[in-house]
Amino acid sequence: MTSLEKLDAVLKSLEKHNSERHHDFMAVLEDLKKDKSGVDFGELKAIVKKLHKDELIDIKEVPVKGNANPDEYYYINFDGRVLNEQNGYVGQKTEKIRLTTLAERQASLTSGLFWLTVVLAVSTAVAALHYGLEIRTYFCPR
């Protein structure tokens, strides 16, 4: 699985379990193992940070008595659901490639059209000069 596919797998997992009350790190990891997504413990930490940085998930910290570190619960937000509907990070990359290819093709066609216009303009000028001289020769013989 690529990194983008792993990001999408975590997002889809959070959306699938969005209605659940508690969706902590271990619950997300277990769900991903069930789906055989290939995301391991270390990767999940990095993925969660990336998704939070991209503002696609919200993290709620709940203090635990007797523990200095609070528990973290993950929730997909509206932007995350929208990205899922647009086929996630993989879909974004595919769309970006498609748009780049389209722009390159359009630039190539525009360049070709420019040179075709130049050739037609020069040909028209040469033809006008030629036929102008023919008309002058016909009406004004030497």
C-alpha atoms as a PDB file:
ATOM      1  CA  MET A   1       0.000   0.000   0.000  1.00  0.00           C
ATOM      2  CA  THR A   2       1.243   3.486  -0.808  1.00  0.00           C
ATOM      3  CA  SER A   3       1.421   6.246   1.781  1.00  0.00           C
ATOM      4  CA  LEU A   4      -1.578   7.984   0.213  1.00  0.00           C
ATOM      5  CA  GLU A   5      -3.601   4.770   0.331  1.00  0.00           C
ATOM      6  CA  LYS A   6      -2.730   4.394   4.013  1.00  0.00           C
ATOM      7  CA  LEU A   7      -3.880   7.954   4.707  1.00  0.00           C
ATOM      8  CA  ASP A   8      -7.140   7.160   2.934  1.00  0.00           C
ATOM      9  CA  ALA A   9      -7.536   3.902   4.879  1.00  0.00           C
ATOM     10  CA  VAL A  10      -7.310   5.739   8.224  1.00  0.00           C
ATOM     11  CA  LEU A  11      -9.747   8.422   7.056  1.00  0.00           C
ATOM     12  CA  LYS A  12     -12.223   5.787   5.845  1.00  0.00           C
ATOM     13  CA  SER A  13     -11.894   3.874   9.105  1.00  0.00           C
ATOM     14  CA  LEU A  14     -12.656   7.002  11.121  1.00  0.00           C
ATOM     15  CA  GLU A  15     -15.631   7.811   8.926  1.00  0.00           C
ATOM     16  CA  LYS A  16     -16.956   4.261   9.145  1.00  0.00           C
ATOM     17  CA  HIS A  17     -16.863   4.446  12.938  1.00  0.00           C
ATOM     18  CA  ASN A  18     -17.761   8.132  13.245  1.00  0.00           C
ATOM     19  CA  SER A  19     -20.880   7.449  15.291  1.00  0.00           C
ATOM     20  CA  GLU A  20     -18.972   5.487  17.932  1.00  0.00           C
ATOM     21  CA  ARG A  21     -18.455   7.234  21.209  1.00  0.00           C
ATOM     22  CA  HIS A  22     -14.839   6.268  21.790  1.00  0.00           C
ATOM     23  CA  HIS A  23     -12.409   5.945  18.918  1.00  0.00           C
ATOM     24  CA  ASP A  24      -8.979   6.002  20.471  1.00  0.00           C
ATOM     25  CA  PHE A  25      -5.617   5.077  18.992  1.00  0.00           C
ATOM     26  CA  MET A  26      -5.846   1.372  19.762  1.00  0.00           C
ATOM     27  CA  ALA A  27      -9.400   1.120  18.401  1.00  0.00           C
ATOM     28  CA  VAL A  28      -8.276   2.715  15.136  1.00  0.00           C
ATOM     29  CA  LEU A  29      -5.254   0.384  14.952  1.00  0.00           C
ATOM     30  CA  GLU A  30      -7.448  -2.708  15.565  1.00  0.00           C
ATOM     31  CA  ASP A  31      -9.903  -1.604  12.882  1.00  0.00           C
ATOM     32  CA  LEU A  32      -7.076  -1.111  10.397  1.00  0.00           C
ATOM     33  CA  LYS A  33      -5.674  -4.559  11.194  1.00  0.00           C
ATOM     34  CA  LYS A  34      -9.120  -6.072  10.512  1.00  0.00           C
ATOM     35  CA  ASP A  35      -9.202  -4.322   7.144  1.00  0.00           C
ATOM     36  CA  LYS A  36      -5.639  -5.526   6.422  1.00  0.00           C
ATOM     37  CA  SER A  37      -4.581  -2.015   5.454  1.00  0.00           C
ATOM     38  CA  GLY A  38      -0.910  -2.554   6.317  1.00  0.00           C
ATOM     39  CA  VAL A  39      -0.757   0.407   8.697  1.00  0.00           C
ATOM     40  CA  ASP A  40       1.384  -0.358  11.735  1.00  0.00           C
ATOM     41  CA  PHE A  41       1.683   1.375  15.106  1.00  0.00           C
ATOM     42  CA  GLY A  42       4.427   3.836  14.112  1.00  0.00           C
ATOM     43  CA  GLU A  43       2.800   4.755  10.819  1.00  0.00           C
ATOM     44  CA  LEU A  44      -0.544   5.369  12.482  1.00  0.00           C
ATOM     45  CA  LYS A  45       1.005   7.972  14.781  1.00  0.00           C
ATOM     46  CA  ALA A  46       2.463   9.818  11.776  1.00  0.00           C
ATOM     47  CA  ILE A  47      -0.780   9.481   9.791  1.00  0.00           C
ATOM     48  CA  VAL A  48      -2.884  10.844  12.636  1.00  0.00           C
ATOM     49  CA  LYS A  49      -0.538  13.831  12.958  1.00  0.00           C
ATOM     50  CA  LYS A  50      -0.739  14.460   9.196  1.00  0.00           C
ATOM     51  CA  LEU A  51      -4.542  14.200   9.116  1.00  0.00           C
ATOM     52  CA  HIS A  52      -4.804  16.533  12.102  1.00  0.00           C
ATOM     53  CA  LYS A  53      -2.330  18.987  10.526  1.00  0.00           C
ATOM     54  CA  ASP A  54      -4.410  18.911   7.307  1.00  0.00           C
ATOM     55  CA  GLU A  55      -7.478  19.657   9.480  1.00  0.00           C
ATOM     56  CA  LEU A  56      -9.316  16.518   8.365  1.00  0.00           C
ATOM     57  CA  ILE A  57      -9.714  15.018  11.829  1.00  0.00           C
ATOM     58  CA  ASP A  58     -10.283  16.443  15.271  1.00  0.00           C
ATOM     59  CA  ILE A  59      -8.504  15.150  18.347  1.00  0.00           C
ATOM     60  CA  LYS A  60     -10.220  15.329  21.694  1.00  0.00           C
ATOM     61  CA  GLU A  61      -8.018  14.940  24.739  1.00  0.00           C
ATOM     62  CA  VAL A  62      -9.646  13.451  27.839  1.00  0.00           C
ATOM     63  CA  PRO A  63      -7.690  13.691  31.108  1.00  0.00           C
ATOM     64  CA  VAL A  64      -7.126  10.433  32.967  1.00  0.00           C
ATOM     65  CA  LYS A  65      -6.810  10.436  36.749  1.00  0.00           C
ATOM     66  CA  GLY A  66      -3.400   9.360  37.919  1.00  0.00           C
ATOM     67  CA  ASN A  67      -1.893   9.690  34.440  1.00  0.00           C
ATOM     68  CA  ALA A  68      -0.025  12.746  33.186  1.00  0.00           C
ATOM     69  CA  ASN A  69      -0.876  11.998  29.554  1.00  0.00           C
ATOM     70  CA  PRO A  70      -4.524  12.409  28.537  1.00  0.00           C
ATOM     71  CA  ASP A  71      -6.277   9.873  26.309  1.00  0.00           C
ATOM     72  CA  GLU A  72      -6.798  11.024  22.727  1.00  0.00           C
ATOM     73  CA  TYR A  73      -9.954  10.308  20.750  1.00  0.00           C
ATOM     74  CA  TYR A  74     -10.120  10.857  17.004  1.00  0.00           C
ATOM     75  CA  TYR A  75     -13.084  12.106  15.029  1.00  0.00           C
ATOM     76  CA  ILE A  76     -13.351  12.799  11.328  1.00  0.00           C
ATOM     77  CA  ASN A  77     -14.642  16.308  10.631  1.00  0.00           C
ATOM     78  CA  PHE A  78     -16.625  17.689   7.710  1.00  0.00           C
ATOM     79  CA  ASP A  79     -13.534  18.399   5.582  1.00  0.00           C
ATOM     80  CA  GLY A  80     -12.400  14.813   6.090  1.00  0.00           C
ATOM     81  CA  ARG A  81     -15.772  13.452   4.967  1.00  0.00           C
ATOM     82  CA  VAL A  82     -15.682  15.707   1.901  1.00  0.00           C
ATOM     83  CA  LEU A  83     -12.207  14.433   1.007  1.00  0.00           C
ATOM     84  CA  ASN A  84     -13.449  10.833   1.378  1.00  0.00           C
ATOM     85  CA  GLU A  85     -16.297  11.575  -1.032  1.00  0.00           C
ATOM     86  CA  GLN A  86     -13.717  12.869  -3.533  1.00  0.00           C
ATOM     87  CA  ASN A  87     -11.792   9.556  -3.347  1.00  0.00           C
ATOM     88  CA  GLY A  88      -9.341  10.792  -0.732  1.00  0.00           C
ATOM     89  CA  TYR A  89      -5.703  11.655  -1.187  1.00  0.00           C
ATOM     90  CA  VAL A  90      -5.336   9.144  -4.033  1.00  0.00           C
ATOM     91  CA  GLY A  91      -8.234  10.802  -5.877  1.00  0.00           C
ATOM     92  CA  GLN A  92      -6.665  14.233  -5.348  1.00  0.00           C
ATOM     93  CA  LYS A  93      -3.373  13.041  -6.799  1.00  0.00           C
ATOM     94  CA  THR A  94      -5.109  11.431  -9.783  1.00  0.00           C
ATOM     95  CA  GLU A  95      -7.085  14.614 -10.413  1.00  0.00           C
ATOM     96  CA  LYS A  96      -3.935  16.736 -10.178  1.00  0.00           C
ATOM     97  CA  ILE A  97      -2.170  14.488 -12.719  1.00  0.00           C
ATOM     98  CA  ARG A  98      -5.195  14.628 -15.008  1.00  0.00           C
ATOM     99  CA  LEU A  99      -5.317  18.426 -14.838  1.00  0.00           C
ATOM    100  CA  THR A 100      -1.570  18.708 -15.471  1.00  0.00           C
ATOM    101  CA  THR A 101      -1.830  16.429 -18.503  1.00  0.00           C
ATOM    102  CA  LEU A 102      -4.796  18.402 -19.776  1.00  0.00           C
ATOM    103  CA  ALA A 103      -2.911  21.705 -19.355  1.00  0.00           C
ATOM    104  CA  GLU A 104       0.125  20.317 -21.191  1.00  0.00           C
ATOM    105  CA  ARG A 105      -2.072  19.055 -24.033  1.00  0.00           C
ATOM    106  CA  GLN A 106      -3.841  22.408 -24.267  1.00  0.00           C
ATOM    107  CA  ALA A 107      -0.509  24.269 -24.367  1.00  0.00           C
ATOM    108  CA  SER A 108       0.706  21.983 -27.158  1.00  0.00           C
ATOM    109  CA  LEU A 109      -2.469  22.528 -29.178  1.00  0.00           C
ATOM    110  CA  THR A 110      -2.300  26.285 -28.639  1.00  0.00           C
ATOM    111  CA  SER A 111       1.298  26.337 -29.865  1.00  0.00           C
ATOM    112  CA  GLY A 112       0.375  24.281 -32.930  1.00  0.00           C
ATOM    113  CA  LEU A 113      -2.544  26.566 -33.680  1.00  0.00           C
ATOM    114  CA  PHE A 114      -0.293  29.622 -33.402  1.00  0.00           C
ATOM    115  CA  TRP A 115       2.191  28.261 -35.941  1.00  0.00           C
ATOM    116  CA  LEU A 116      -0.603  27.173 -38.272  1.00  0.00           C
ATOM    117  CA  THR A 117      -1.987  30.708 -38.136  1.00  0.00           C
ATOM    118  CA  VAL A 118       1.479  32.150 -38.923  1.00  0.00           C
ATOM    119  CA  VAL A 119       1.874  29.824 -41.929  1.00  0.00           C
ATOM    120  CA  LEU A 120      -1.606  30.724 -43.222  1.00  0.00           C
ATOM    121  CA  ALA A 121      -0.947  34.450 -42.781  1.00  0.00           C
ATOM    122  CA  VAL A 122       2.369  34.255 -44.654  1.00  0.00           C
ATOM    123  CA  SER A 123       0.802  32.095 -47.393  1.00  0.00           C
ATOM    124  CA  THR A 124      -2.059  34.554 -47.755  1.00  0.00           C
ATOM    125  CA  ALA A 125       0.377  37.482 -48.043  1.00  0.00           C
ATOM    126  CA  VAL A 126       2.434  35.653 -50.691  1.00  0.00           C
ATOM    127  CA  ALA A 127      -0.724  34.715 -52.628  1.00  0.00           C
ATOM    128  CA  ALA A 128      -1.994  38.307 -52.472  1.00  0.00           C
ATOM    129  CA  LEU A 129       1.316  39.612 -53.760  1.00  0.00           C
ATOM    130  CA  HIS A 130       1.417  37.007 -56.537  1.00  0.00           C
ATOM    131  CA  TYR A 131      -2.129  37.637 -57.735  1.00  0.00           C
ATOM    132  CA  GLY A 132      -1.677  41.402 -57.386  1.00  0.00           C
ATOM    133  CA  LEU A 133       1.291  41.190 -59.734  1.00  0.00           C
ATOM    134  CA  GLU A 134      -0.705  38.957 -62.129  1.00  0.00           C
ATOM    135  CA  ILE A 135      -3.562  41.472 -62.214  1.00  0.00           C
ATOM    136  CA  ARG A 136      -1.135  44.370 -62.775  1.00  0.00           C
ATOM    137  CA  THR A 137       0.549  42.440 -65.600  1.00  0.00           C
ATOM    138  CA  TYR A 138      -2.784  41.668 -67.227  1.00  0.00           C
ATOM    139  CA  PHE A 139      -4.091  45.254 -67.116  1.00  0.00           C
ATOM    140  CA  CYS A 140      -0.790  47.068 -67.578  1.00  0.00           C
ATOM    141  CA  PRO A 141       1.319  45.128 -70.059  1.00  0.00           C
ATOM    142  CA  ARG A 142       4.771  46.562 -70.748  1.00  0.00           C
END
